[in-house]
Amino acid sequence: AISNPAFEYWFLLHFTKTDASFSDYNDLEKVLKTHMANY
């Protein structure tokens, strides 16, 4: 059960459907925090 670039992409998909690529975890985390501010 592999995620690219980070496991948090699975979390993000709970809030939005996105196929935008992410350069790294930090890039993904910024988007995730728009849904889970205190993640």
PDB file of all heavy atoms in Angstrom:
ATOM      1  N   ALA A   1       0.879  -1.169   0.000  1.00  0.00           N
ATOM      2  CA  ALA A   1       0.000   0.000   0.000  1.00  0.00           C
ATOM      3  C   ALA A   1       0.918   1.222   0.000  1.00  0.00           C
ATOM      4  O   ALA A   1       1.207   1.802   1.036  1.00  0.00           O
ATOM      5  CB  ALA A   1      -0.924  -0.014   1.209  1.00  0.00           C
ATOM      6  N   ILE A   2       1.404   1.556  -1.176  1.00  0.00           N
ATOM      7  CA  ILE A   2       2.396   2.623  -1.341  1.00  0.00           C
ATOM      8  C   ILE A   2       1.703   3.916  -1.747  1.00  0.00           C
ATOM      9  O   ILE A   2       0.756   3.900  -2.542  1.00  0.00           O
ATOM     10  CB  ILE A   2       3.440   2.221  -2.409  1.00  0.00           C
ATOM     11  CG1 ILE A   2       4.223   0.988  -1.946  1.00  0.00           C
ATOM     12  CG2 ILE A   2       4.374   3.385  -2.725  1.00  0.00           C
ATOM     13  CD1 ILE A   2       5.149   0.410  -2.997  1.00  0.00           C
ATOM     14  N   SER A   3       2.183   5.013  -1.197  1.00  0.00           N
ATOM     15  CA  SER A   3       1.697   6.342  -1.583  1.00  0.00           C
ATOM     16  C   SER A   3       2.863   7.152  -2.128  1.00  0.00           C
ATOM     17  O   SER A   3       3.976   7.039  -1.651  1.00  0.00           O
ATOM     18  CB  SER A   3       1.115   7.068  -0.367  1.00  0.00           C
ATOM     19  OG  SER A   3       0.021   6.361   0.164  1.00  0.00           O
ATOM     20  N   ASN A   4       2.578   7.964  -3.138  1.00  0.00           N
ATOM     21  CA  ASN A   4       3.591   8.820  -3.726  1.00  0.00           C
ATOM     22  C   ASN A   4       3.035  10.245  -3.794  1.00  0.00           C
ATOM     23  O   ASN A   4       1.973  10.443  -4.395  1.00  0.00           O
ATOM     24  CB  ASN A   4       3.936   8.334  -5.134  1.00  0.00           C
ATOM     25  CG  ASN A   4       5.049   9.121  -5.783  1.00  0.00           C
ATOM     26  OD1 ASN A   4       5.679   9.970  -5.185  1.00  0.00           O
ATOM     27  ND2 ASN A   4       5.290   8.833  -7.062  1.00  0.00           N
ATOM     28  N   PRO A   5       3.662  11.236  -3.210  1.00  0.00           N
ATOM     29  CA  PRO A   5       4.968  11.185  -2.582  1.00  0.00           C
ATOM     30  C   PRO A   5       4.917  10.831  -1.099  1.00  0.00           C
ATOM     31  O   PRO A   5       5.926  10.466  -0.526  1.00  0.00           O
ATOM     32  CB  PRO A   5       5.487  12.618  -2.745  1.00  0.00           C
ATOM     33  CG  PRO A   5       4.265  13.467  -2.654  1.00  0.00           C
ATOM     34  CD  PRO A   5       3.187  12.636  -3.318  1.00  0.00           C
ATOM     35  N   ALA A   6       3.731  10.934  -0.469  1.00  0.00           N
ATOM     36  CA  ALA A   6       3.660  10.710   0.973  1.00  0.00           C
ATOM     37  C   ALA A   6       2.319  10.078   1.340  1.00  0.00           C
ATOM     38  O   ALA A   6       1.322  10.240   0.633  1.00  0.00           O
ATOM     39  CB  ALA A   6       3.830  12.038   1.720  1.00  0.00           C
ATOM     40  N   PHE A   7       2.316   9.388   2.463  1.00  0.00           N
ATOM     41  CA  PHE A   7       1.105   8.746   2.956  1.00  0.00           C
ATOM     42  C   PHE A   7      -0.033   9.757   3.114  1.00  0.00           C
ATOM     43  O   PHE A   7      -1.207   9.428   2.924  1.00  0.00           O
ATOM     44  CB  PHE A   7       1.391   8.064   4.303  1.00  0.00           C
ATOM     45  CG  PHE A   7       0.208   7.324   4.848  1.00  0.00           C
ATOM     46  CD1 PHE A   7      -0.094   6.053   4.402  1.00  0.00           C
ATOM     47  CD2 PHE A   7      -0.614   7.910   5.795  1.00  0.00           C
ATOM     48  CE1 PHE A   7      -1.205   5.370   4.892  1.00  0.00           C
ATOM     49  CE2 PHE A   7      -1.725   7.240   6.290  1.00  0.00           C
ATOM     50  CZ  PHE A   7      -2.023   5.967   5.839  1.00  0.00           C
ATOM     51  N   GLU A   8       0.312  10.977   3.429  1.00  0.00           N
ATOM     52  CA  GLU A   8      -0.690  12.004   3.655  1.00  0.00           C
ATOM     53  C   GLU A   8      -1.566  12.292   2.427  1.00  0.00           C
ATOM     54  O   GLU A   8      -2.638  12.883   2.560  1.00  0.00           O
ATOM     55  CB  GLU A   8      -0.025  13.299   4.153  1.00  0.00           C
ATOM     56  CG  GLU A   8       0.398  13.242   5.598  1.00  0.00           C
ATOM     57  CD  GLU A   8       1.662  12.424   5.861  1.00  0.00           C
ATOM     58  OE1 GLU A   8       2.319  11.989   4.885  1.00  0.00           O
ATOM     59  OE2 GLU A   8       1.997  12.220   7.036  1.00  0.00           O
ATOM     60  N   TYR A   9      -1.131  11.836   1.254  1.00  0.00           N
ATOM     61  CA  TYR A   9      -1.995  11.970   0.082  1.00  0.00           C
ATOM     62  C   TYR A   9      -3.304  11.214   0.323  1.00  0.00           C
ATOM     63  O   TYR A   9      -4.381  11.672  -0.067  1.00  0.00           O
ATOM     64  CB  TYR A   9      -1.279  11.466  -1.180  1.00  0.00           C
ATOM     65  CG  TYR A   9      -2.118  11.551  -2.437  1.00  0.00           C
ATOM     66  CD1 TYR A   9      -2.569  12.778  -2.918  1.00  0.00           C
ATOM     67  CD2 TYR A   9      -2.469  10.404  -3.130  1.00  0.00           C
ATOM     68  CE1 TYR A   9      -3.348  12.857  -4.066  1.00  0.00           C
ATOM     69  CE2 TYR A   9      -3.245  10.477  -4.282  1.00  0.00           C
ATOM     70  CZ  TYR A   9      -3.684  11.697  -4.742  1.00  0.00           C
ATOM     71  OH  TYR A   9      -4.459  11.772  -5.872  1.00  0.00           O
ATOM     72  N   TRP A  10      -3.228  10.051   0.973  1.00  0.00           N
ATOM     73  CA  TRP A  10      -4.432   9.291   1.330  1.00  0.00           C
ATOM     74  C   TRP A  10      -5.349  10.146   2.214  1.00  0.00           C
ATOM     75  O   TRP A  10      -6.556  10.196   2.010  1.00  0.00           O
ATOM     76  CB  TRP A  10      -4.049   7.986   2.015  1.00  0.00           C
ATOM     77  CG  TRP A  10      -5.173   7.296   2.717  1.00  0.00           C
ATOM     78  CD1 TRP A  10      -5.304   7.090   4.058  1.00  0.00           C
ATOM     79  CD2 TRP A  10      -6.329   6.696   2.120  1.00  0.00           C
ATOM     80  NE1 TRP A  10      -6.476   6.422   4.334  1.00  0.00           N
ATOM     81  CE2 TRP A  10      -7.125   6.168   3.152  1.00  0.00           C
ATOM     82  CE3 TRP A  10      -6.778   6.575   0.802  1.00  0.00           C
ATOM     83  CZ2 TRP A  10      -8.335   5.523   2.922  1.00  0.00           C
ATOM     84  CZ3 TRP A  10      -7.996   5.919   0.579  1.00  0.00           C
ATOM     85  CH2 TRP A  10      -8.753   5.408   1.632  1.00  0.00           C
ATOM     86  N   PHE A  11      -4.776  10.847   3.177  1.00  0.00           N
ATOM     87  CA  PHE A  11      -5.576  11.723   4.032  1.00  0.00           C
ATOM     88  C   PHE A  11      -6.232  12.828   3.210  1.00  0.00           C
ATOM     89  O   PHE A  11      -7.413  13.126   3.389  1.00  0.00           O
ATOM     90  CB  PHE A  11      -4.724  12.357   5.133  1.00  0.00           C
ATOM     91  CG  PHE A  11      -4.197  11.398   6.165  1.00  0.00           C
ATOM     92  CD1 PHE A  11      -3.151  11.776   6.979  1.00  0.00           C
ATOM     93  CD2 PHE A  11      -4.731  10.135   6.342  1.00  0.00           C
ATOM     94  CE1 PHE A  11      -2.662  10.924   7.954  1.00  0.00           C
ATOM     95  CE2 PHE A  11      -4.251   9.263   7.302  1.00  0.00           C
ATOM     96  CZ  PHE A  11      -3.209   9.661   8.113  1.00  0.00           C
ATOM     97  N   LEU A  12      -5.483  13.440   2.324  1.00  0.00           N
ATOM     98  CA  LEU A  12      -6.001  14.533   1.503  1.00  0.00           C
ATOM     99  C   LEU A  12      -7.211  14.088   0.680  1.00  0.00           C
ATOM    100  O   LEU A  12      -8.175  14.839   0.525  1.00  0.00           O
ATOM    101  CB  LEU A  12      -4.902  15.075   0.584  1.00  0.00           C
ATOM    102  CG  LEU A  12      -5.297  16.221  -0.341  1.00  0.00           C
ATOM    103  CD1 LEU A  12      -5.755  17.439   0.458  1.00  0.00           C
ATOM    104  CD2 LEU A  12      -4.130  16.579  -1.255  1.00  0.00           C
ATOM    105  N   LEU A  13      -7.179  12.857   0.190  1.00  0.00           N
ATOM    106  CA  LEU A  13      -8.275  12.359  -0.639  1.00  0.00           C
ATOM    107  C   LEU A  13      -9.579  12.199   0.136  1.00  0.00           C
ATOM    108  O   LEU A  13     -10.637  12.007  -0.462  1.00  0.00           O
ATOM    109  CB  LEU A  13      -7.876  11.040  -1.301  1.00  0.00           C
ATOM    110  CG  LEU A  13      -6.787  11.170  -2.366  1.00  0.00           C
ATOM    111  CD1 LEU A  13      -6.352   9.795  -2.862  1.00  0.00           C
ATOM    112  CD2 LEU A  13      -7.224  12.052  -3.518  1.00  0.00           C
ATOM    113  N   HIS A  14      -9.537  12.306   1.444  1.00  0.00           N
ATOM    114  CA  HIS A  14     -10.756  12.299   2.243  1.00  0.00           C
ATOM    115  C   HIS A  14     -11.530  13.606   2.086  1.00  0.00           C
ATOM    116  O   HIS A  14     -12.711  13.675   2.412  1.00  0.00           O
ATOM    117  CB  HIS A  14     -10.436  12.080   3.729  1.00  0.00           C
ATOM    118  CG  HIS A  14     -10.042  10.679   4.064  1.00  0.00           C
ATOM    119  ND1 HIS A  14      -8.827  10.147   3.683  1.00  0.00           N
ATOM    120  CD2 HIS A  14     -10.687   9.714   4.741  1.00  0.00           C
ATOM    121  CE1 HIS A  14      -8.752   8.902   4.118  1.00  0.00           C
ATOM    122  NE2 HIS A  14      -9.873   8.613   4.769  1.00  0.00           N
ATOM    123  N   PHE A  15     -10.853  14.641   1.595  1.00  0.00           N
ATOM    124  CA  PHE A  15     -11.454  15.968   1.502  1.00  0.00           C
ATOM    125  C   PHE A  15     -11.639  16.457   0.073  1.00  0.00           C
ATOM    126  O   PHE A  15     -12.541  17.246  -0.192  1.00  0.00           O
ATOM    127  CB  PHE A  15     -10.587  16.993   2.258  1.00  0.00           C
ATOM    128  CG  PHE A  15     -10.413  16.631   3.694  1.00  0.00           C
ATOM    129  CD1 PHE A  15      -9.262  15.988   4.124  1.00  0.00           C
ATOM    130  CD2 PHE A  15     -11.406  16.907   4.617  1.00  0.00           C
ATOM    131  CE1 PHE A  15      -9.103  15.641   5.457  1.00  0.00           C
ATOM    132  CE2 PHE A  15     -11.253  16.559   5.951  1.00  0.00           C
ATOM    133  CZ  PHE A  15     -10.101  15.924   6.374  1.00  0.00           C
ATOM    134  N   THR A  16     -10.780  16.000  -0.815  1.00  0.00           N
ATOM    135  CA  THR A  16     -10.826  16.506  -2.183  1.00  0.00           C
ATOM    136  C   THR A  16     -10.260  15.471  -3.154  1.00  0.00           C
ATOM    137  O   THR A  16      -9.414  14.667  -2.789  1.00  0.00           O
ATOM    138  CB  THR A  16     -10.031  17.831  -2.301  1.00  0.00           C
ATOM    139  OG1 THR A  16     -10.221  18.382  -3.602  1.00  0.00           O
ATOM    140  CG2 THR A  16      -8.548  17.635  -2.041  1.00  0.00           C
ATOM    141  N   LYS A  17     -10.755  15.538  -4.362  1.00  0.00           N
ATOM    142  CA  LYS A  17     -10.225  14.684  -5.423  1.00  0.00           C
ATOM    143  C   LYS A  17      -9.214  15.523  -6.186  1.00  0.00           C
ATOM    144  O   LYS A  17      -9.582  16.517  -6.810  1.00  0.00           O
ATOM    145  CB  LYS A  17     -11.358  14.239  -6.331  1.00  0.00           C
ATOM    146  CG  LYS A  17     -10.947  13.298  -7.422  1.00  0.00           C
ATOM    147  CD  LYS A  17     -12.143  13.022  -8.307  1.00  0.00           C
ATOM    148  CE  LYS A  17     -12.170  11.594  -8.720  1.00  0.00           C
ATOM    149  NZ  LYS A  17     -13.398  11.279  -9.465  1.00  0.00           N
ATOM    150  N   THR A  18      -7.958  15.146  -6.085  1.00  0.00           N
ATOM    151  CA  THR A  18      -6.920  15.901  -6.786  1.00  0.00           C
ATOM    152  C   THR A  18      -5.887  14.957  -7.373  1.00  0.00           C
ATOM    153  O   THR A  18      -5.489  13.990  -6.725  1.00  0.00           O
ATOM    154  CB  THR A  18      -6.232  16.933  -5.869  1.00  0.00           C
ATOM    155  OG1 THR A  18      -5.239  17.627  -6.634  1.00  0.00           O
ATOM    156  CG2 THR A  18      -5.577  16.292  -4.660  1.00  0.00           C
ATOM    157  N   ASP A  19      -5.500  15.266  -8.583  1.00  0.00           N
ATOM    158  CA  ASP A  19      -4.412  14.509  -9.202  1.00  0.00           C
ATOM    159  C   ASP A  19      -3.223  15.423  -9.487  1.00  0.00           C
ATOM    160  O   ASP A  19      -2.347  15.095 -10.277  1.00  0.00           O
ATOM    161  CB  ASP A  19      -4.875  13.790 -10.465  1.00  0.00           C
ATOM    162  CG  ASP A  19      -5.434  14.744 -11.519  1.00  0.00           C
ATOM    163  OD1 ASP A  19      -5.429  15.973 -11.285  1.00  0.00           O
ATOM    164  OD2 ASP A  19      -5.869  14.264 -12.570  1.00  0.00           O
ATOM    165  N   ALA A  20      -3.194  16.557  -8.812  1.00  0.00           N
ATOM    166  CA  ALA A  20      -2.059  17.479  -8.950  1.00  0.00           C
ATOM    167  C   ALA A  20      -0.831  16.859  -8.306  1.00  0.00           C
ATOM    168  O   ALA A  20      -0.908  16.336  -7.192  1.00  0.00           O
ATOM    169  CB  ALA A  20      -2.378  18.811  -8.275  1.00  0.00           C
ATOM    170  N   SER A  21       0.295  16.896  -9.002  1.00  0.00           N
ATOM    171  CA  SER A  21       1.502  16.287  -8.432  1.00  0.00           C
ATOM    172  C   SER A  21       2.068  17.186  -7.335  1.00  0.00           C
ATOM    173  O   SER A  21       1.808  18.386  -7.285  1.00  0.00           O
ATOM    174  CB  SER A  21       2.548  16.030  -9.512  1.00  0.00           C
ATOM    175  OG  SER A  21       2.962  17.238 -10.083  1.00  0.00           O
ATOM    176  N   PHE A  22       2.836  16.565  -6.452  1.00  0.00           N
ATOM    177  CA  PHE A  22       3.457  17.260  -5.325  1.00  0.00           C
ATOM    178  C   PHE A  22       4.948  17.019  -5.379  1.00  0.00           C
ATOM    179  O   PHE A  22       5.388  15.882  -5.581  1.00  0.00           O
ATOM    180  CB  PHE A  22       2.889  16.740  -3.997  1.00  0.00           C
ATOM    181  CG  PHE A  22       1.414  16.943  -3.876  1.00  0.00           C
ATOM    182  CD1 PHE A  22       0.528  15.934  -4.214  1.00  0.00           C
ATOM    183  CD2 PHE A  22       0.907  18.154  -3.425  1.00  0.00           C
ATOM    184  CE1 PHE A  22      -0.840  16.121  -4.112  1.00  0.00           C
ATOM    185  CE2 PHE A  22      -0.464  18.355  -3.324  1.00  0.00           C
ATOM    186  CZ  PHE A  22      -1.337  17.326  -3.662  1.00  0.00           C
ATOM    187  N   SER A  23       5.724  18.064  -5.182  1.00  0.00           N
ATOM    188  CA  SER A  23       7.177  17.921  -5.268  1.00  0.00           C
ATOM    189  C   SER A  23       7.728  17.094  -4.113  1.00  0.00           C
ATOM    190  O   SER A  23       8.710  16.382  -4.277  1.00  0.00           O
ATOM    191  CB  SER A  23       7.864  19.286  -5.321  1.00  0.00           C
ATOM    192  OG  SER A  23       7.540  20.051  -4.168  1.00  0.00           O
ATOM    193  N   ASP A  24       7.085  17.177  -2.955  1.00  0.00           N
ATOM    194  CA  ASP A  24       7.548  16.427  -1.787  1.00  0.00           C
ATOM    195  C   ASP A  24       6.480  16.493  -0.697  1.00  0.00           C
ATOM    196  O   ASP A  24       5.400  17.058  -0.903  1.00  0.00           O
ATOM    197  CB  ASP A  24       8.886  16.975  -1.264  1.00  0.00           C
ATOM    198  CG  ASP A  24       8.841  18.455  -0.911  1.00  0.00           C
ATOM    199  OD1 ASP A  24       7.737  19.021  -0.719  1.00  0.00           O
ATOM    200  OD2 ASP A  24       9.925  19.056  -0.841  1.00  0.00           O
ATOM    201  N   TYR A  25       6.813  15.925   0.456  1.00  0.00           N
ATOM    202  CA  TYR A  25       5.882  15.922   1.577  1.00  0.00           C
ATOM    203  C   TYR A  25       5.455  17.335   1.962  1.00  0.00           C
ATOM    204  O   TYR A  25       4.278  17.593   2.216  1.00  0.00           O
ATOM    205  CB  TYR A  25       6.494  15.200   2.791  1.00  0.00           C
ATOM    206  CG  TYR A  25       5.715  15.470   4.048  1.00  0.00           C
ATOM    207  CD1 TYR A  25       4.506  14.818   4.276  1.00  0.00           C
ATOM    208  CD2 TYR A  25       6.150  16.408   4.974  1.00  0.00           C
ATOM    209  CE1 TYR A  25       3.757  15.099   5.402  1.00  0.00           C
ATOM    210  CE2 TYR A  25       5.402  16.688   6.110  1.00  0.00           C
ATOM    211  CZ  TYR A  25       4.206  16.024   6.322  1.00  0.00           C
ATOM    212  OH  TYR A  25       3.471  16.307   7.429  1.00  0.00           O
ATOM    213  N   ASN A  26       6.397  18.253   2.032  1.00  0.00           N
ATOM    214  CA  ASN A  26       6.083  19.623   2.460  1.00  0.00           C
ATOM    215  C   ASN A  26       5.066  20.277   1.539  1.00  0.00           C
ATOM    216  O   ASN A  26       4.163  20.988   1.999  1.00  0.00           O
ATOM    217  CB  ASN A  26       7.358  20.466   2.549  1.00  0.00           C
ATOM    218  CG  ASN A  26       8.279  19.972   3.638  1.00  0.00           C
ATOM    219  OD1 ASN A  26       7.833  19.479   4.664  1.00  0.00           O
ATOM    220  ND2 ASN A  26       9.576  20.097   3.418  1.00  0.00           N
ATOM    221  N   ASP A  27       5.199  20.035   0.256  1.00  0.00           N
ATOM    222  CA  ASP A  27       4.259  20.569  -0.733  1.00  0.00           C
ATOM    223  C   ASP A  27       2.857  19.994  -0.486  1.00  0.00           C
ATOM    224  O   ASP A  27       1.857  20.712  -0.483  1.00  0.00           O
ATOM    225  CB  ASP A  27       4.777  20.209  -2.130  1.00  0.00           C
ATOM    226  CG  ASP A  27       4.043  20.888  -3.254  1.00  0.00           C
ATOM    227  OD1 ASP A  27       3.456  21.963  -3.046  1.00  0.00           O
ATOM    228  OD2 ASP A  27       4.078  20.331  -4.380  1.00  0.00           O
ATOM    229  N   LEU A  28       2.790  18.701  -0.246  1.00  0.00           N
ATOM    230  CA  LEU A  28       1.524  18.027   0.038  1.00  0.00           C
ATOM    231  C   LEU A  28       0.935  18.494   1.364  1.00  0.00           C
ATOM    232  O   LEU A  28      -0.272  18.753   1.473  1.00  0.00           O
ATOM    233  CB  LEU A  28       1.748  16.514   0.052  1.00  0.00           C
ATOM    234  CG  LEU A  28       0.562  15.642   0.439  1.00  0.00           C
ATOM    235  CD1 LEU A  28      -0.530  15.725  -0.613  1.00  0.00           C
ATOM    236  CD2 LEU A  28       1.017  14.213   0.616  1.00  0.00           C
ATOM    237  N   GLU A  29       1.777  18.641   2.376  1.00  0.00           N
ATOM    238  CA  GLU A  29       1.306  19.046   3.701  1.00  0.00           C
ATOM    239  C   GLU A  29       0.604  20.407   3.657  1.00  0.00           C
ATOM    240  O   GLU A  29      -0.406  20.618   4.341  1.00  0.00           O
ATOM    241  CB  GLU A  29       2.468  19.085   4.690  1.00  0.00           C
ATOM    242  CG  GLU A  29       2.031  19.454   6.101  1.00  0.00           C
ATOM    243  CD  GLU A  29       3.194  19.642   7.039  1.00  0.00           C
ATOM    244  OE1 GLU A  29       4.214  20.250   6.627  1.00  0.00           O
ATOM    245  OE2 GLU A  29       3.085  19.198   8.185  1.00  0.00           O
ATOM    246  N   LYS A  30       1.116  21.323   2.861  1.00  0.00           N
ATOM    247  CA  LYS A  30       0.490  22.655   2.747  1.00  0.00           C
ATOM    248  C   LYS A  30      -0.961  22.534   2.289  1.00  0.00           C
ATOM    249  O   LYS A  30      -1.855  23.211   2.810  1.00  0.00           O
ATOM    250  CB  LYS A  30       1.272  23.533   1.767  1.00  0.00           C
ATOM    251  CG  LYS A  30       2.597  24.002   2.288  1.00  0.00           C
ATOM    252  CD  LYS A  30       3.352  24.772   1.223  1.00  0.00           C
ATOM    253  CE  LYS A  30       4.792  24.966   1.628  1.00  0.00           C
ATOM    254  NZ  LYS A  30       5.630  25.422   0.526  1.00  0.00           N
ATOM    255  N   VAL A  31      -1.213  21.662   1.323  1.00  0.00           N
ATOM    256  CA  VAL A  31      -2.567  21.476   0.809  1.00  0.00           C
ATOM    257  C   VAL A  31      -3.417  20.752   1.855  1.00  0.00           C
ATOM    258  O   VAL A  31      -4.576  21.124   2.104  1.00  0.00           O
ATOM    259  CB  VAL A  31      -2.556  20.711  -0.534  1.00  0.00           C
ATOM    260  CG1 VAL A  31      -3.968  20.468  -1.036  1.00  0.00           C
ATOM    261  CG2 VAL A  31      -1.734  21.467  -1.570  1.00  0.00           C
ATOM    262  N   LEU A  32      -2.870  19.726   2.484  1.00  0.00           N
ATOM    263  CA  LEU A  32      -3.606  18.986   3.506  1.00  0.00           C
ATOM    264  C   LEU A  32      -4.024  19.910   4.648  1.00  0.00           C
ATOM    265  O   LEU A  32      -5.141  19.816   5.163  1.00  0.00           O
ATOM    266  CB  LEU A  32      -2.761  17.821   4.041  1.00  0.00           C
ATOM    267  CG  LEU A  32      -3.404  16.974   5.132  1.00  0.00           C
ATOM    268  CD1 LEU A  32      -4.692  16.308   4.637  1.00  0.00           C
ATOM    269  CD2 LEU A  32      -2.418  15.919   5.630  1.00  0.00           C
ATOM    270  N   LYS A  33      -3.149  20.821   5.022  1.00  0.00           N
ATOM    271  CA  LYS A  33      -3.451  21.715   6.142  1.00  0.00           C
ATOM    272  C   LYS A  33      -4.566  22.710   5.822  1.00  0.00           C
ATOM    273  O   LYS A  33      -5.118  23.313   6.730  1.00  0.00           O
ATOM    274  CB  LYS A  33      -2.192  22.433   6.615  1.00  0.00           C
ATOM    275  CG  LYS A  33      -1.316  21.513   7.460  1.00  0.00           C
ATOM    276  CD  LYS A  33      -0.234  22.261   8.171  1.00  0.00           C
ATOM    277  CE  LYS A  33       0.434  21.330   9.162  1.00  0.00           C
ATOM    278  NZ  LYS A  33       1.279  22.049  10.088  1.00  0.00           N
ATOM    279  N   THR A  34      -4.947  22.846   4.557  1.00  0.00           N
ATOM    280  CA  THR A  34      -6.113  23.671   4.258  1.00  0.00           C
ATOM    281  C   THR A  34      -7.395  22.964   4.703  1.00  0.00           C
ATOM    282  O   THR A  34      -8.437  23.600   4.863  1.00  0.00           O
ATOM    283  CB  THR A  34      -6.210  24.037   2.755  1.00  0.00           C
ATOM    284  OG1 THR A  34      -6.413  22.845   1.990  1.00  0.00           O
ATOM    285  CG2 THR A  34      -4.974  24.778   2.286  1.00  0.00           C
ATOM    286  N   HIS A  35      -7.305  21.652   4.901  1.00  0.00           N
ATOM    287  CA  HIS A  35      -8.443  20.849   5.361  1.00  0.00           C
ATOM    288  C   HIS A  35      -8.302  20.416   6.817  1.00  0.00           C
ATOM    289  O   HIS A  35      -9.297  20.198   7.499  1.00  0.00           O
ATOM    290  CB  HIS A  35      -8.601  19.604   4.493  1.00  0.00           C
ATOM    291  CG  HIS A  35      -8.784  19.920   3.052  1.00  0.00           C
ATOM    292  ND1 HIS A  35      -9.988  20.335   2.520  1.00  0.00           N
ATOM    293  CD2 HIS A  35      -7.910  19.919   2.025  1.00  0.00           C
ATOM    294  CE1 HIS A  35      -9.846  20.561   1.231  1.00  0.00           C
ATOM    295  NE2 HIS A  35      -8.596  20.310   0.901  1.00  0.00           N
ATOM    296  N   MET A  36      -7.068  20.257   7.253  1.00  0.00           N
ATOM    297  CA  MET A  36      -6.765  19.817   8.620  1.00  0.00           C
ATOM    298  C   MET A  36      -5.677  20.739   9.159  1.00  0.00           C
ATOM    299  O   MET A  36      -4.500  20.370   9.183  1.00  0.00           O
ATOM    300  CB  MET A  36      -6.280  18.359   8.608  1.00  0.00           C
ATOM    301  CG  MET A  36      -7.317  17.370   8.122  1.00  0.00           C
ATOM    302  SD  MET A  36      -6.666  15.684   7.954  1.00  0.00           S
ATOM    303  CE  MET A  36      -6.437  15.223   9.647  1.00  0.00           C
ATOM    304  N   ALA A  37      -6.079  21.918   9.556  1.00  0.00           N
ATOM    305  CA  ALA A  37      -5.126  22.974   9.907  1.00  0.00           C
ATOM    306  C   ALA A  37      -4.095  22.560  10.946  1.00  0.00           C
ATOM    307  O   ALA A  37      -2.939  22.977  10.884  1.00  0.00           O
ATOM    308  CB  ALA A  37      -5.879  24.204  10.402  1.00  0.00           C
ATOM    309  N   ASN A  38      -4.467  21.728  11.893  1.00  0.00           N
ATOM    310  CA  ASN A  38      -3.559  21.347  12.974  1.00  0.00           C
ATOM    311  C   ASN A  38      -2.861  20.015  12.727  1.00  0.00           C
ATOM    312  O   ASN A  38      -2.317  19.431  13.662  1.00  0.00           O
ATOM    313  CB  ASN A  38      -4.313  21.299  14.304  1.00  0.00           C
ATOM    314  CG  ASN A  38      -4.841  22.659  14.694  1.00  0.00           C
ATOM    315  OD1 ASN A  38      -4.188  23.672  14.462  1.00  0.00           O
ATOM    316  ND2 ASN A  38      -6.030  22.689  15.265  1.00  0.00           N
ATOM    317  N   TYR A  39      -2.902  19.527  11.491  1.00  0.00           N
ATOM    318  CA  TYR A  39      -2.275  18.234  11.217  1.00  0.00           C
ATOM    319  C   TYR A  39      -0.796  18.262  11.592  1.00  0.00           C
ATOM    320  O   TYR A  39      -0.081  19.215  11.306  1.00  0.00           O
ATOM    321  CB  TYR A  39      -2.408  17.837   9.737  1.00  0.00           C
ATOM    322  CG  TYR A  39      -1.719  16.523   9.463  1.00  0.00           C
ATOM    323  CD1 TYR A  39      -2.298  15.335   9.872  1.00  0.00           C
ATOM    324  CD2 TYR A  39      -0.469  16.479   8.854  1.00  0.00           C
ATOM    325  CE1 TYR A  39      -1.658  14.126   9.670  1.00  0.00           C
ATOM    326  CE2 TYR A  39       0.178  15.275   8.649  1.00  0.00           C
ATOM    327  CZ  TYR A  39      -0.422  14.106   9.057  1.00  0.00           C
ATOM    328  OH  TYR A  39       0.222  12.903   8.874  1.00  0.00           O
TER     329      TYR A  39
END
